[in-house]
């Protein structure tokens, strides 16, 4: 019971990652799996890294401030 309550408090604290469902084509899924295996990362880590790189390249200037 104690572990259950501890888990609930952790989830409610906002520190837990929330799952997302992203439908991908089979070829894209295969590419993601190969990329993750090559980089020795999990698929979710690869996706997070790609999103962060694109965010920084698109929305931030050289000084790290928002362009828009």
C-alpha atoms as a PDB file:
ATOM      1  CA  UNK A   1       0.000   0.000   0.000  1.00  0.00           C
ATOM      2  CA  UNK A   2       2.879   2.337   0.825  1.00  0.00           C
ATOM      3  CA  UNK A   3       4.465   1.855  -2.625  1.00  0.00           C
ATOM      4  CA  UNK A   4       1.118   2.495  -4.309  1.00  0.00           C
ATOM      5  CA  UNK A   5       0.693   5.797  -2.474  1.00  0.00           C
ATOM      6  CA  UNK A   6       4.282   6.780  -3.236  1.00  0.00           C
ATOM      7  CA  UNK A   7       3.734   6.090  -6.951  1.00  0.00           C
ATOM      8  CA  UNK A   8       0.522   8.147  -6.970  1.00  0.00           C
ATOM      9  CA  UNK A   9       2.301  11.101  -5.332  1.00  0.00           C
ATOM     10  CA  UNK A  10       5.100  10.879  -7.920  1.00  0.00           C
ATOM     11  CA  UNK A  11       2.628  10.849 -10.842  1.00  0.00           C
ATOM     12  CA  UNK A  12       0.693  13.765  -9.396  1.00  0.00           C
ATOM     13  CA  UNK A  13       3.871  15.816  -8.879  1.00  0.00           C
ATOM     14  CA  UNK A  14       4.234  16.330 -12.630  1.00  0.00           C
ATOM     15  CA  UNK A  15       7.718  14.819 -12.802  1.00  0.00           C
ATOM     16  CA  UNK A  16       6.553  11.653 -14.532  1.00  0.00           C
ATOM     17  CA  UNK A  17       6.609  11.638 -18.311  1.00  0.00           C
ATOM     18  CA  UNK A  18       3.245  11.331 -19.983  1.00  0.00           C
ATOM     19  CA  UNK A  19       2.874   8.814 -22.803  1.00  0.00           C
ATOM     20  CA  UNK A  20       1.962   9.991 -26.278  1.00  0.00           C
ATOM     21  CA  UNK A  21       0.704   7.977 -29.181  1.00  0.00           C
ATOM     22  CA  UNK A  22       2.277   9.012 -32.461  1.00  0.00           C
ATOM     23  CA  UNK A  23       1.056   7.020 -35.445  1.00  0.00           C
ATOM     24  CA  UNK A  24       3.933   6.333 -37.830  1.00  0.00           C
ATOM     25  CA  UNK A  25       4.116   4.442 -41.088  1.00  0.00           C
ATOM     26  CA  UNK A  26       5.849   1.083 -40.988  1.00  0.00           C
ATOM     27  CA  UNK A  27       8.849   2.382 -42.890  1.00  0.00           C
ATOM     28  CA  UNK A  28       9.213   5.293 -40.468  1.00  0.00           C
ATOM     29  CA  UNK A  29       8.957   2.920 -37.507  1.00  0.00           C
ATOM     30  CA  UNK A  30      11.683   0.735 -39.000  1.00  0.00           C
ATOM     31  CA  UNK A  31      13.893   3.777 -39.586  1.00  0.00           C
ATOM     32  CA  UNK A  32      13.330   4.926 -35.996  1.00  0.00           C
ATOM     33  CA  UNK A  33      14.232   1.482 -34.665  1.00  0.00           C
ATOM     34  CA  UNK A  34      17.415   1.351 -36.758  1.00  0.00           C
ATOM     35  CA  UNK A  35      18.375   4.874 -35.699  1.00  0.00           C
ATOM     36  CA  UNK A  36      17.796   4.037 -32.031  1.00  0.00           C
ATOM     37  CA  UNK A  37      19.835   0.851 -32.327  1.00  0.00           C
ATOM     38  CA  UNK A  38      22.665   2.698 -34.114  1.00  0.00           C
ATOM     39  CA  UNK A  39      22.789   5.458 -31.490  1.00  0.00           C
ATOM     40  CA  UNK A  40      22.312   2.946 -28.656  1.00  0.00           C
ATOM     41  CA  UNK A  41      19.255   4.837 -27.360  1.00  0.00           C
ATOM     42  CA  UNK A  42      15.613   4.025 -26.790  1.00  0.00           C
ATOM     43  CA  UNK A  43      13.112   5.128 -29.429  1.00  0.00           C
ATOM     44  CA  UNK A  44      11.589   7.762 -27.135  1.00  0.00           C
ATOM     45  CA  UNK A  45      15.044   9.231 -26.464  1.00  0.00           C
ATOM     46  CA  UNK A  46      15.717   9.519 -30.204  1.00  0.00           C
ATOM     47  CA  UNK A  47      12.395  11.290 -30.759  1.00  0.00           C
ATOM     48  CA  UNK A  48      13.015  13.690 -27.853  1.00  0.00           C
ATOM     49  CA  UNK A  49      16.501  14.494 -29.150  1.00  0.00           C
ATOM     50  CA  UNK A  50      15.231  15.137 -32.691  1.00  0.00           C
ATOM     51  CA  UNK A  51      12.449  17.410 -31.444  1.00  0.00           C
ATOM     52  CA  UNK A  52      14.866  19.375 -29.252  1.00  0.00           C
ATOM     53  CA  UNK A  53      17.327  19.832 -32.140  1.00  0.00           C
ATOM     54  CA  UNK A  54      14.598  21.037 -34.492  1.00  0.00           C
ATOM     55  CA  UNK A  55      13.155  23.351 -31.830  1.00  0.00           C
ATOM     56  CA  UNK A  56      16.539  24.955 -31.214  1.00  0.00           C
ATOM     57  CA  UNK A  57      17.305  25.260 -34.933  1.00  0.00           C
ATOM     58  CA  UNK A  58      13.920  26.736 -35.809  1.00  0.00           C
ATOM     59  CA  UNK A  59      12.780  28.854 -32.893  1.00  0.00           C
ATOM     60  CA  UNK A  60      15.953  30.006 -31.132  1.00  0.00           C
ATOM     61  CA  UNK A  61      18.565  32.463 -32.323  1.00  0.00           C
ATOM     62  CA  UNK A  62      22.331  32.132 -31.816  1.00  0.00           C
ATOM     63  CA  UNK A  63      22.066  33.461 -28.272  1.00  0.00           C
ATOM     64  CA  UNK A  64      19.344  30.987 -27.283  1.00  0.00           C
ATOM     65  CA  UNK A  65      16.513  33.506 -27.255  1.00  0.00           C
ATOM     66  CA  UNK A  66      13.179  33.063 -28.964  1.00  0.00           C
ATOM     67  CA  UNK A  67      13.068  34.375 -32.536  1.00  0.00           C
ATOM     68  CA  UNK A  68       9.313  34.712 -32.694  1.00  0.00           C
END
